[in-house]
C-alpha atoms as a PDB file:
ATOM      1  CA  MET A   1       0.000   0.000   0.000  1.00  0.00           C
ATOM      2  CA  LYS A   2       1.342   3.395  -0.991  1.00  0.00           C
ATOM      3  CA  ALA A   3       1.452   5.927   1.821  1.00  0.00           C
ATOM      4  CA  SER A   4      -0.509   9.120   1.261  1.00  0.00           C
ATOM      5  CA  THR A   5       1.572  12.221   0.554  1.00  0.00           C
ATOM      6  CA  LEU A   6      -1.234  14.533   1.659  1.00  0.00           C
ATOM      7  CA  PRO A   7      -0.731  16.376   4.960  1.00  0.00           C
ATOM      8  CA  LEU A   8      -2.930  15.253   7.796  1.00  0.00           C
ATOM      9  CA  THR A   9      -4.157  18.815   8.298  1.00  0.00           C
ATOM     10  CA  ARG A  10      -5.035  21.527   5.807  1.00  0.00           C
ATOM     11  CA  ASP A  11      -4.919  25.154   6.908  1.00  0.00           C
ATOM     12  CA  VAL A  12      -7.675  27.390   5.577  1.00  0.00           C
ATOM     13  CA  VAL A  13      -7.115  31.101   6.234  1.00  0.00           C
ATOM     14  CA  LEU A  14      -9.850  33.713   5.811  1.00  0.00           C
ATOM     15  CA  ILE A  15      -8.578  37.284   5.566  1.00  0.00           C
ATOM     16  CA  GLY A  16     -11.328  39.690   6.573  1.00  0.00           C
ATOM     17  CA  GLY A  17     -14.573  39.223   8.448  1.00  0.00           C
ATOM     18  CA  GLY A  18     -16.951  40.248   5.674  1.00  0.00           C
ATOM     19  CA  HIS A  19     -20.390  38.677   5.479  1.00  0.00           C
ATOM     20  CA  THR A  20     -19.238  36.055   2.960  1.00  0.00           C
ATOM     21  CA  HIS A  21     -16.661  34.798   5.440  1.00  0.00           C
ATOM     22  CA  ALA A  22     -19.246  35.093   8.213  1.00  0.00           C
ATOM     23  CA  LEU A  23     -21.433  32.677   6.248  1.00  0.00           C
ATOM     24  CA  VAL A  24     -18.444  30.344   5.825  1.00  0.00           C
ATOM     25  CA  LEU A  25     -17.933  30.358   9.600  1.00  0.00           C
ATOM     26  CA  ARG A  26     -21.591  29.626  10.215  1.00  0.00           C
ATOM     27  CA  LYS A  27     -21.684  26.765   7.706  1.00  0.00           C
ATOM     28  CA  TRP A  28     -18.367  25.440   8.998  1.00  0.00           C
ATOM     29  CA  GLY A  29     -19.737  25.331  12.527  1.00  0.00           C
ATOM     30  CA  MET A  30     -22.757  23.378  11.298  1.00  0.00           C
ATOM     31  CA  SER A  31     -20.698  20.979   9.184  1.00  0.00           C
ATOM     32  CA  PRO A  32     -16.935  21.202   9.787  1.00  0.00           C
ATOM     33  CA  LEU A  33     -14.523  19.846   7.203  1.00  0.00           C
ATOM     34  CA  PRO A  34     -12.512  16.943   8.663  1.00  0.00           C
ATOM     35  CA  GLY A  35      -8.754  17.424   8.562  1.00  0.00           C
ATOM     36  CA  ALA A  36      -8.916  21.186   8.098  1.00  0.00           C
ATOM     37  CA  ARG A  37      -8.070  24.014  10.478  1.00  0.00           C
ATOM     38  CA  LEU A  38      -9.769  27.358  10.022  1.00  0.00           C
ATOM     39  CA  THR A  39      -8.195  30.726  10.843  1.00  0.00           C
ATOM     40  CA  VAL A  40      -9.837  34.154  10.510  1.00  0.00           C
ATOM     41  CA  ILE A  41      -7.790  37.357  10.372  1.00  0.00           C
ATOM     42  CA  ASP A  42      -9.470  40.708  11.006  1.00  0.00           C
ATOM     43  CA  PRO A  43      -8.410  43.916  12.810  1.00  0.00           C
ATOM     44  CA  ASN A  44     -11.660  44.019  14.785  1.00  0.00           C
ATOM     45  CA  PRO A  45     -13.680  41.544  16.879  1.00  0.00           C
ATOM     46  CA  ALA A  46     -16.821  42.520  14.975  1.00  0.00           C
ATOM     47  CA  ALA A  47     -17.659  43.391  11.365  1.00  0.00           C
ATOM     48  CA  ALA A  48     -20.516  45.484  10.032  1.00  0.00           C
ATOM     49  CA  TYR A  49     -23.048  43.928   7.655  1.00  0.00           C
ATOM     50  CA  SER A  50     -23.469  46.367   4.764  1.00  0.00           C
ATOM     51  CA  GLY A  51     -26.765  44.854   3.622  1.00  0.00           C
ATOM     52  CA  MET A  52     -28.458  46.431   6.654  1.00  0.00           C
ATOM     53  CA  LEU A  53     -26.948  49.899   6.141  1.00  0.00           C
ATOM     54  CA  PRO A  54     -30.006  51.444   4.409  1.00  0.00           C
ATOM     55  CA  GLY A  55     -32.205  50.157   7.250  1.00  0.00           C
ATOM     56  CA  HIS A  56     -29.848  51.752   9.763  1.00  0.00           C
ATOM     57  CA  VAL A  57     -29.830  55.033   7.838  1.00  0.00           C
ATOM     58  CA  ALA A  58     -33.636  55.014   7.795  1.00  0.00           C
ATOM     59  CA  GLY A  59     -33.681  54.414  11.546  1.00  0.00           C
ATOM     60  CA  HIS A  60     -35.044  50.871  11.502  1.00  0.00           C
ATOM     61  CA  TYR A  61     -31.897  49.288  12.987  1.00  0.00           C
ATOM     62  CA  THR A  62     -29.448  50.456  15.628  1.00  0.00           C
ATOM     63  CA  ARG A  63     -25.721  50.526  14.952  1.00  0.00           C
ATOM     64  CA  ASP A  64     -25.281  47.429  17.113  1.00  0.00           C
ATOM     65  CA  ASN A  65     -27.788  45.527  14.959  1.00  0.00           C
ATOM     66  CA  LEU A  66     -25.350  45.795  12.048  1.00  0.00           C
ATOM     67  CA  GLU A  67     -22.509  44.074  13.885  1.00  0.00           C
ATOM     68  CA  ILE A  68     -21.384  40.532  13.067  1.00  0.00           C
ATOM     69  CA  ASP A  69     -19.786  39.085  16.211  1.00  0.00           C
ATOM     70  CA  LEU A  70     -16.651  37.446  14.818  1.00  0.00           C
ATOM     71  CA  VAL A  71     -15.542  36.170  18.233  1.00  0.00           C
ATOM     72  CA  LYS A  72     -18.805  34.314  18.742  1.00  0.00           C
ATOM     73  CA  LEU A  73     -18.836  32.999  15.173  1.00  0.00           C
ATOM     74  CA  ALA A  74     -15.232  31.812  15.349  1.00  0.00           C
ATOM     75  CA  ARG A  75     -15.946  30.010  18.604  1.00  0.00           C
ATOM     76  CA  PHE A  76     -19.002  28.356  17.038  1.00  0.00           C
ATOM     77  CA  ALA A  77     -16.935  27.230  14.044  1.00  0.00           C
ATOM     78  CA  GLY A  78     -14.000  26.073  16.157  1.00  0.00           C
ATOM     79  CA  ALA A  79     -11.828  28.545  14.281  1.00  0.00           C
ATOM     80  CA  ARG A  80      -8.845  30.568  15.420  1.00  0.00           C
ATOM     81  CA  LEU A  81      -9.477  34.333  15.315  1.00  0.00           C
ATOM     82  CA  ILE A  82      -6.446  36.577  14.919  1.00  0.00           C
ATOM     83  CA  LEU A  83      -7.126  40.242  15.654  1.00  0.00           C
ATOM     84  CA  GLY A  84      -4.786  42.091  13.339  1.00  0.00           C
ATOM     85  CA  ALA A  85      -4.429  43.446   9.823  1.00  0.00           C
ATOM     86  CA  ALA A  86      -2.948  41.273   7.095  1.00  0.00           C
ATOM     87  CA  THR A  87      -0.187  43.322   5.482  1.00  0.00           C
ATOM     88  CA  GLY A  88       1.147  40.839   2.958  1.00  0.00           C
ATOM     89  CA  ILE A  89       0.781  37.419   1.367  1.00  0.00           C
ATOM     90  CA  ASP A  90       3.770  35.300   0.387  1.00  0.00           C
ATOM     91  CA  ARG A  91       2.392  33.034  -2.326  1.00  0.00           C
ATOM     92  CA  VAL A  92       5.587  30.996  -2.568  1.00  0.00           C
ATOM     93  CA  ALA A  93       5.867  30.330   1.156  1.00  0.00           C
ATOM     94  CA  ARG A  94       2.060  30.173   1.434  1.00  0.00           C
ATOM     95  CA  SER A  95       1.909  32.480   4.412  1.00  0.00           C
ATOM     96  CA  VAL A  96       0.165  35.659   5.533  1.00  0.00           C
ATOM     97  CA  GLN A  97       1.983  38.466   7.332  1.00  0.00           C
ATOM     98  CA  VAL A  98       0.340  40.120  10.334  1.00  0.00           C
ATOM     99  CA  PRO A  99       2.409  42.670  12.319  1.00  0.00           C
ATOM    100  CA  GLY A 100       3.542  41.342  15.685  1.00  0.00           C
ATOM    101  CA  ARG A 101       2.905  37.707  14.754  1.00  0.00           C
ATOM    102  CA  PRO A 102       4.891  34.950  13.059  1.00  0.00           C
ATOM    103  CA  PRO A 103       3.845  34.148   9.460  1.00  0.00           C
ATOM    104  CA  ILE A 104       0.493  32.379   9.297  1.00  0.00           C
ATOM    105  CA  GLY A 105       0.717  29.421   6.952  1.00  0.00           C
ATOM    106  CA  PHE A 106      -2.074  28.365   4.642  1.00  0.00           C
ATOM    107  CA  ASP A 107      -3.018  25.719   2.111  1.00  0.00           C
ATOM    108  CA  LEU A 108      -6.030  27.758   1.022  1.00  0.00           C
ATOM    109  CA  CYS A 109      -6.441  31.501   1.517  1.00  0.00           C
ATOM    110  CA  SER A 110      -9.571  33.570   0.880  1.00  0.00           C
ATOM    111  CA  ILE A 111      -9.773  37.375   0.937  1.00  0.00           C
ATOM    112  CA  ASP A 112     -12.966  39.219   1.911  1.00  0.00           C
ATOM    113  CA  ILE A 113     -11.928  42.676   3.085  1.00  0.00           C
ATOM    114  CA  GLY A 114     -14.666  44.750   1.452  1.00  0.00           C
ATOM    115  CA  ILE A 115     -14.175  47.897  -0.573  1.00  0.00           C
ATOM    116  CA  THR A 116     -13.939  51.625  -0.144  1.00  0.00           C
ATOM    117  CA  SER A 117     -16.099  54.045  -2.115  1.00  0.00           C
ATOM    118  CA  GLU A 118     -13.838  57.027  -1.516  1.00  0.00           C
ATOM    119  CA  MET A 119     -13.230  59.204  -4.596  1.00  0.00           C
ATOM    120  CA  PRO A 120      -9.899  61.001  -4.007  1.00  0.00           C
ATOM    121  CA  ASN A 121      -9.695  62.263  -7.606  1.00  0.00           C
ATOM    122  CA  LEU A 122     -13.099  63.968  -7.524  1.00  0.00           C
ATOM    123  CA  PRO A 123     -12.644  67.669  -6.699  1.00  0.00           C
ATOM    124  CA  GLY A 124     -14.385  68.581  -3.448  1.00  0.00           C
ATOM    125  CA  PHE A 125     -15.044  65.024  -2.307  1.00  0.00           C
ATOM    126  CA  ALA A 126     -12.433  65.133   0.463  1.00  0.00           C
ATOM    127  CA  ASP A 127     -14.076  68.260   1.927  1.00  0.00           C
ATOM    128  CA  HIS A 128     -17.748  67.483   1.413  1.00  0.00           C
ATOM    129  CA  GLY A 129     -18.146  63.789   0.590  1.00  0.00           C
ATOM    130  CA  VAL A 130     -18.462  60.746   2.825  1.00  0.00           C
ATOM    131  CA  PRO A 131     -17.808  57.297   1.305  1.00  0.00           C
ATOM    132  CA  ALA A 132     -20.494  54.741   2.127  1.00  0.00           C
ATOM    133  CA  LYS A 133     -17.727  52.240   2.836  1.00  0.00           C
ATOM    134  CA  PRO A 134     -16.064  51.585   5.219  1.00  0.00           C
ATOM    135  CA  LEU A 135     -19.481  51.321   6.801  1.00  0.00           C
ATOM    136  CA  GLY A 136     -18.529  52.228  10.370  1.00  0.00           C
ATOM    137  CA  GLN A 137     -17.193  55.643   9.420  1.00  0.00           C
ATOM    138  CA  PHE A 138     -20.245  56.386   7.288  1.00  0.00           C
ATOM    139  CA  ALA A 139     -22.676  55.355  10.051  1.00  0.00           C
ATOM    140  CA  ARG A 140     -20.984  57.709  12.522  1.00  0.00           C
ATOM    141  CA  ARG A 141     -21.006  60.634  10.085  1.00  0.00           C
ATOM    142  CA  TRP A 142     -24.656  60.033   9.195  1.00  0.00           C
ATOM    143  CA  GLN A 143     -25.784  60.091  12.831  1.00  0.00           C
ATOM    144  CA  ALA A 144     -23.800  63.286  13.417  1.00  0.00           C
ATOM    145  CA  PHE A 145     -25.379  64.826  10.302  1.00  0.00           C
ATOM    146  CA  LEU A 146     -28.890  63.945  11.486  1.00  0.00           C
ATOM    147  CA  SER A 147     -28.281  65.536  14.877  1.00  0.00           C
ATOM    148  CA  GLU A 148     -27.338  68.884  13.335  1.00  0.00           C
ATOM    149  CA  SER A 149     -29.915  71.644  13.157  1.00  0.00           C
ATOM    150  CA  GLY A 150     -31.038  73.435  10.032  1.00  0.00           C
ATOM    151  CA  PRO A 151     -31.803  72.317   6.467  1.00  0.00           C
ATOM    152  CA  ALA A 152     -30.327  69.081   5.208  1.00  0.00           C
ATOM    153  CA  ALA A 153     -29.642  68.546   1.514  1.00  0.00           C
ATOM    154  CA  VAL A 154     -27.969  65.305   0.454  1.00  0.00           C
ATOM    155  CA  ALA A 155     -26.519  64.147  -2.861  1.00  0.00           C
ATOM    156  CA  VAL A 156     -25.919  60.441  -3.510  1.00  0.00           C
ATOM    157  CA  ILE A 157     -23.435  59.628  -6.286  1.00  0.00           C
ATOM    158  CA  GLY A 158     -24.323  56.399  -8.063  1.00  0.00           C
ATOM    159  CA  ALA A 159     -27.861  55.327  -8.941  1.00  0.00           C
ATOM    160  CA  GLY A 160     -27.359  51.589  -8.830  1.00  0.00           C
ATOM    161  CA  VAL A 161     -29.492  49.410  -6.602  1.00  0.00           C
ATOM    162  CA  ALA A 162     -27.402  50.173  -3.505  1.00  0.00           C
ATOM    163  CA  GLY A 163     -27.246  53.908  -4.195  1.00  0.00           C
ATOM    164  CA  THR A 164     -30.974  54.138  -4.874  1.00  0.00           C
ATOM    165  CA  GLU A 165     -31.828  52.187  -1.732  1.00  0.00           C
ATOM    166  CA  LEU A 166     -29.535  54.414   0.314  1.00  0.00           C
ATOM    167  CA  ALA A 167     -31.065  57.585  -1.172  1.00  0.00           C
ATOM    168  CA  LEU A 168     -34.589  56.398  -0.334  1.00  0.00           C
ATOM    169  CA  ALA A 169     -33.518  55.550   3.213  1.00  0.00           C
ATOM    170  CA  MET A 170     -31.975  59.004   3.619  1.00  0.00           C
ATOM    171  CA  ALA A 171     -35.108  60.706   2.308  1.00  0.00           C
ATOM    172  CA  PHE A 172     -37.212  58.708   4.782  1.00  0.00           C
ATOM    173  CA  ALA A 173     -34.968  59.620   7.720  1.00  0.00           C
ATOM    174  CA  LEU A 174     -34.828  63.318   6.826  1.00  0.00           C
ATOM    175  CA  HIS A 175     -38.602  63.481   6.407  1.00  0.00           C
ATOM    176  CA  ARG A 176     -39.182  61.764   9.738  1.00  0.00           C
ATOM    177  CA  ALA A 177     -36.763  64.168  11.430  1.00  0.00           C
ATOM    178  CA  GLY A 178     -38.708  67.095   9.966  1.00  0.00           C
ATOM    179  CA  LYS A 179     -35.690  68.442   8.135  1.00  0.00           C
ATOM    180  CA  ILE A 180     -36.164  70.765   5.191  1.00  0.00           C
ATOM    181  CA  GLY A 181     -34.133  69.787   2.161  1.00  0.00           C
ATOM    182  CA  GLY A 182     -34.014  66.841  -0.164  1.00  0.00           C
ATOM    183  CA  VAL A 183     -32.026  63.972  -1.592  1.00  0.00           C
ATOM    184  CA  THR A 184     -30.561  64.094  -5.095  1.00  0.00           C
ATOM    185  CA  LEU A 185     -29.488  60.908  -6.852  1.00  0.00           C
ATOM    186  CA  ILE A 186     -26.681  61.426  -9.384  1.00  0.00           C
ATOM    187  CA  ASP A 187     -25.625  58.990 -12.094  1.00  0.00           C
ATOM    188  CA  ALA A 188     -23.809  59.273 -15.426  1.00  0.00           C
ATOM    189  CA  ALA A 189     -26.072  56.750 -17.155  1.00  0.00           C
ATOM    190  CA  ALA A 190     -29.448  57.549 -18.684  1.00  0.00           C
ATOM    191  CA  ALA A 191     -32.513  56.826 -16.588  1.00  0.00           C
ATOM    192  CA  PHE A 192     -34.407  53.655 -17.603  1.00  0.00           C
ATOM    193  CA  PRO A 193     -32.255  52.850 -20.659  1.00  0.00           C
ATOM    194  CA  GLY A 194     -34.010  50.745 -23.265  1.00  0.00           C
ATOM    195  CA  ILE A 195     -37.487  51.496 -21.923  1.00  0.00           C
ATOM    196  CA  SER A 196     -39.461  53.828 -24.165  1.00  0.00           C
ATOM    197  CA  GLY A 197     -42.167  56.163 -22.982  1.00  0.00           C
ATOM    198  CA  ILE A 198     -40.695  56.737 -19.512  1.00  0.00           C
ATOM    199  CA  LYS A 199     -39.064  60.030 -18.659  1.00  0.00           C
ATOM    200  CA  PRO A 200     -37.247  60.835 -15.428  1.00  0.00           C
ATOM    201  CA  THR A 201     -38.833  63.359 -13.079  1.00  0.00           C
ATOM    202  CA  TYR A 202     -36.659  65.877 -11.318  1.00  0.00           C
ATOM    203  CA  GLY A 203     -37.239  67.813  -8.142  1.00  0.00           C
END
């Protein structure tokens, strides 16, 4: 009989605690993969779920409702949680670098660190704009904006599904707060392309 050359243990490393990796942790806890060790790397013990952001903006959910408890999920999955930021991946050595820790080896590595919607090349954005992601920063700025007195006019750049949903949530929150102003949705594409007889309404 030929001896197996496969290692007895496979190391699976998840960089980032986004909701895709949160689902992996949940499924792993329900049905763990024999012979595999799971490690999660994230700077924070909790991650925000962006799918609930419009509901938070509208006032339906608290900030805490958005949090994914990575510590609890990792414990449920039997995974190791490393609180730190991955600063590099050595594909040859198959390892991840985290400051203050020895290299973290992997057989399989997945990255789910989210995105940023900052627009540094757009004039005026740094002074007047707030990127919707990272979510935590946006949520704090939105609550501070709502607490201010006076009129409140908002412009949302990007009329995709997420941008439209966010604009509607903002309009709802401003109306409920009794603030005078409005929400403007801005997009470079034509409204309702390919559909005849429908014209956008402004104002």
